[in-house]
Amino acid sequence: FSPVTHHSSDEVILKPTGSQLTVEFLEENSFSVPILVLKKDGLGMTLPSPSFTVRDVEHYVGSDKEIDVIDVVRQADCKMKLGDFVKYYYSGKREKVLNVISLEFSDT
């Protein structure tokens, strides 16, 4: 039996700036390790402010929007109204672990 050696995150994570994160960078480094973009400048993306919350998403998209949610324990996909997910998200006591992988709302 030999002990397992763990690397620190600084040894594993790639840390390009936004302008360095190009197709060529991804082809060279792939997604085999996590990538932490240090500066968003040069990404060509508009990102929300750090204070943007799940409630803000609900405000822009609407409570009645039906979304895809994953029940993590069952690994099953289900549909849920965004308003119901927001209530779940902010509830102190959760009986299930639910995850929203993707929700496109850029044109709202």
Protein backbone atom coordinates (compact mmCIF):
# COMPACT_ATOMS: atom_id res chain seq x y z
CA PHE A 1 0.00 0.00 0.00
CA SER A 2 1.40 3.37 -0.97
CA PRO A 3 -0.07 6.73 0.01
CA VAL A 4 -1.85 8.78 -2.63
CA THR A 5 -0.21 12.07 -3.52
CA HIS A 6 -2.58 14.97 -4.00
CA HIS A 7 -1.60 18.05 -5.94
CA SER A 8 -2.57 21.54 -4.86
CA SER A 9 -5.09 23.33 -7.05
CA ASP A 10 -2.37 25.72 -8.24
CA GLU A 11 -0.56 22.75 -9.78
CA VAL A 12 -3.64 21.56 -11.64
CA ILE A 13 -5.78 24.54 -12.65
CA LEU A 14 -5.00 26.45 -15.85
CA LYS A 15 -5.32 30.21 -15.34
CA PRO A 16 -5.46 32.05 -18.66
CA THR A 17 -6.74 35.59 -19.06
CA GLY A 18 -9.82 36.12 -21.20
CA SER A 19 -7.77 37.10 -24.23
CA GLN A 20 -5.59 33.98 -23.85
CA LEU A 21 -8.62 31.64 -23.83
CA THR A 22 -8.76 30.91 -27.55
CA VAL A 23 -9.62 27.90 -29.68
CA GLU A 24 -5.90 27.25 -30.03
CA PHE A 25 -5.47 27.35 -26.22
CA LEU A 26 -8.29 24.83 -25.79
CA GLU A 27 -6.94 22.57 -28.53
CA GLU A 28 -3.51 22.61 -26.89
CA ASN A 29 -4.70 22.16 -23.29
CA SER A 30 -8.12 20.51 -23.76
CA PHE A 31 -10.53 20.33 -20.86
CA SER A 32 -8.59 17.69 -18.95
CA VAL A 33 -8.11 20.05 -16.00
CA PRO A 34 -10.22 22.93 -14.65
CA ILE A 35 -9.77 26.35 -16.25
CA LEU A 36 -10.07 29.51 -14.15
CA VAL A 37 -10.23 32.68 -16.26
CA LEU A 38 -8.40 35.34 -14.27
CA LYS A 39 -9.63 38.40 -16.20
CA LYS A 40 -12.82 38.43 -18.25
CA ASP A 41 -11.48 41.13 -20.60
CA GLY A 42 -11.03 39.64 -24.03
CA LEU A 43 -13.59 36.85 -23.63
CA GLY A 44 -16.06 38.57 -25.91
CA MET A 45 -18.80 37.94 -23.34
CA THR A 46 -20.95 40.16 -21.20
CA LEU A 47 -21.22 38.68 -17.72
CA PRO A 48 -23.70 39.66 -15.02
CA SER A 49 -22.49 41.45 -11.92
CA PRO A 50 -21.42 39.29 -8.95
CA SER A 51 -24.58 40.40 -7.14
CA PHE A 52 -26.82 38.76 -9.81
CA THR A 53 -28.93 36.07 -8.11
CA VAL A 54 -31.35 33.25 -8.84
CA ARG A 55 -34.16 35.67 -7.97
CA ASP A 56 -32.87 38.01 -10.70
CA VAL A 57 -33.13 35.14 -13.20
CA GLU A 58 -36.72 34.58 -12.07
CA HIS A 59 -37.45 38.30 -12.51
CA TYR A 60 -36.16 38.35 -16.11
CA VAL A 61 -37.43 34.94 -17.24
CA GLY A 62 -40.67 34.70 -15.28
CA SER A 63 -41.89 32.38 -12.53
CA ASP A 64 -44.01 30.32 -14.91
CA LYS A 65 -41.12 29.37 -17.22
CA GLU A 66 -40.82 25.58 -17.31
CA ILE A 67 -37.22 24.45 -16.79
CA ASP A 68 -35.33 21.15 -16.85
CA VAL A 69 -34.16 20.10 -13.40
CA ILE A 70 -32.10 17.08 -12.40
CA ASP A 71 -32.92 15.11 -9.27
CA VAL A 72 -29.32 14.37 -8.31
CA VAL A 73 -29.96 11.26 -6.19
CA ARG A 74 -32.14 9.59 -8.82
CA GLN A 75 -30.12 11.05 -11.74
CA ALA A 76 -33.47 11.75 -13.34
CA ASP A 77 -34.60 14.74 -15.37
CA CYS A 78 -37.86 16.44 -14.46
CA LYS A 79 -39.73 19.61 -15.37
CA MET A 80 -40.39 22.37 -12.86
CA LYS A 81 -41.61 25.95 -12.94
CA LEU A 82 -38.78 28.40 -12.33
CA GLY A 83 -40.72 29.98 -9.45
CA ASP A 84 -40.93 26.59 -7.71
CA PHE A 85 -37.21 26.04 -8.19
CA VAL A 86 -36.43 29.48 -6.73
CA LYS A 87 -38.55 28.63 -3.66
CA TYR A 88 -36.65 25.33 -3.33
CA TYR A 89 -33.28 27.07 -3.83
CA TYR A 90 -33.86 29.54 -1.01
CA SER A 91 -35.64 27.14 1.35
CA GLY A 92 -33.66 26.26 4.45
CA LYS A 93 -34.79 22.65 4.49
CA ARG A 94 -34.41 20.66 1.29
CA GLU A 95 -35.58 17.09 0.99
CA LYS A 96 -34.09 16.62 -2.48
CA VAL A 97 -30.90 17.72 -4.20
CA LEU A 98 -31.93 19.45 -7.43
CA ASN A 99 -29.64 20.87 -10.08
CA VAL A 100 -30.23 23.15 -13.07
CA ILE A 101 -27.46 22.58 -15.59
CA SER A 102 -28.49 25.11 -18.20
CA LEU A 103 -31.05 27.85 -18.69
CA GLU A 104 -30.69 30.15 -21.69
CA PHE A 105 -32.16 33.59 -21.11
CA SER A 106 -29.93 36.00 -22.99
CA ASP A 107 -32.74 37.39 -25.17
CA THR A 108 -35.19 38.13 -22.36
